[in-house]
């Protein structure tokens, strides 16, 4: 994979991860049900993995 393609892919993963982090944090904090809280926590863990991978290749 070329460097430009890795940077573009990293930027995409970082932006998607940040968006998922926002959704997951609101779900985990504002949900009244246990399943909503667990879904928010799972989204937060997924977003951590995505942003870590994304910012490994793209450093703004």
Protein backbone atom coordinates (compact mmCIF):
# COMPACT_ATOMS: atom_id res chain seq x y z
CA UNK A 1 0.00 0.00 0.00
CA UNK A 2 1.36 3.42 -0.87
CA UNK A 3 1.93 6.09 1.74
CA UNK A 4 -0.81 8.36 0.38
CA UNK A 5 -3.32 5.53 0.48
CA UNK A 6 -2.35 4.64 4.07
CA UNK A 7 -2.73 8.26 5.12
CA UNK A 8 -6.15 8.53 3.44
CA UNK A 9 -7.29 5.27 5.03
CA UNK A 10 -5.95 6.38 8.42
CA UNK A 11 -7.78 9.69 8.18
CA UNK A 12 -11.02 7.87 7.35
CA UNK A 13 -10.65 5.47 10.28
CA UNK A 14 -9.80 8.34 12.65
CA UNK A 15 -12.82 10.43 11.64
CA UNK A 16 -15.19 7.44 11.78
CA UNK A 17 -13.76 6.48 15.17
CA UNK A 18 -14.31 9.96 16.57
CA UNK A 19 -17.90 9.96 15.31
CA UNK A 20 -18.56 6.53 16.85
CA UNK A 21 -16.97 7.75 20.09
CA UNK A 22 -19.42 10.66 20.26
CA UNK A 23 -22.42 8.41 19.68
CA UNK A 24 -21.18 5.78 22.14
CA UNK A 25 -20.50 8.28 24.90
CA UNK A 26 -23.98 9.78 24.62
CA UNK A 27 -25.54 6.31 24.63
CA UNK A 28 -23.51 5.16 27.64
CA UNK A 29 -24.24 8.31 29.67
CA UNK A 30 -27.85 9.05 28.80
CA UNK A 31 -29.40 5.61 28.40
CA UNK A 32 -31.80 4.34 31.02
CA UNK A 33 -31.59 0.66 30.12
CA UNK A 34 -28.77 -1.78 30.67
CA UNK A 35 -28.66 -2.81 27.03
CA UNK A 36 -28.29 0.81 25.92
CA UNK A 37 -25.45 1.37 28.38
CA UNK A 38 -23.68 -1.81 27.26
CA UNK A 39 -24.10 -0.86 23.60
CA UNK A 40 -22.58 2.55 24.33
CA UNK A 41 -19.65 0.92 26.11
CA UNK A 42 -19.07 -1.45 23.18
CA UNK A 43 -19.13 1.50 20.78
CA UNK A 44 -16.59 3.32 22.95
CA UNK A 45 -14.22 0.34 22.90
CA UNK A 46 -14.65 -0.01 19.12
CA UNK A 47 -13.97 3.69 18.63
CA UNK A 48 -10.77 3.47 20.67
CA UNK A 49 -9.51 0.73 18.38
CA UNK A 50 -10.47 2.65 15.23
CA UNK A 51 -8.95 5.95 16.31
CA UNK A 52 -5.76 4.28 17.51
CA UNK A 53 -5.34 2.60 14.12
CA UNK A 54 -6.32 5.79 12.27
CA UNK A 55 -3.96 8.11 14.14
CA UNK A 56 -1.11 5.63 13.73
CA UNK A 57 -1.02 6.46 10.01
CA UNK A 58 -2.51 9.96 9.96
CA UNK A 59 -1.04 12.60 12.23
CA UNK A 60 -2.74 15.96 11.65
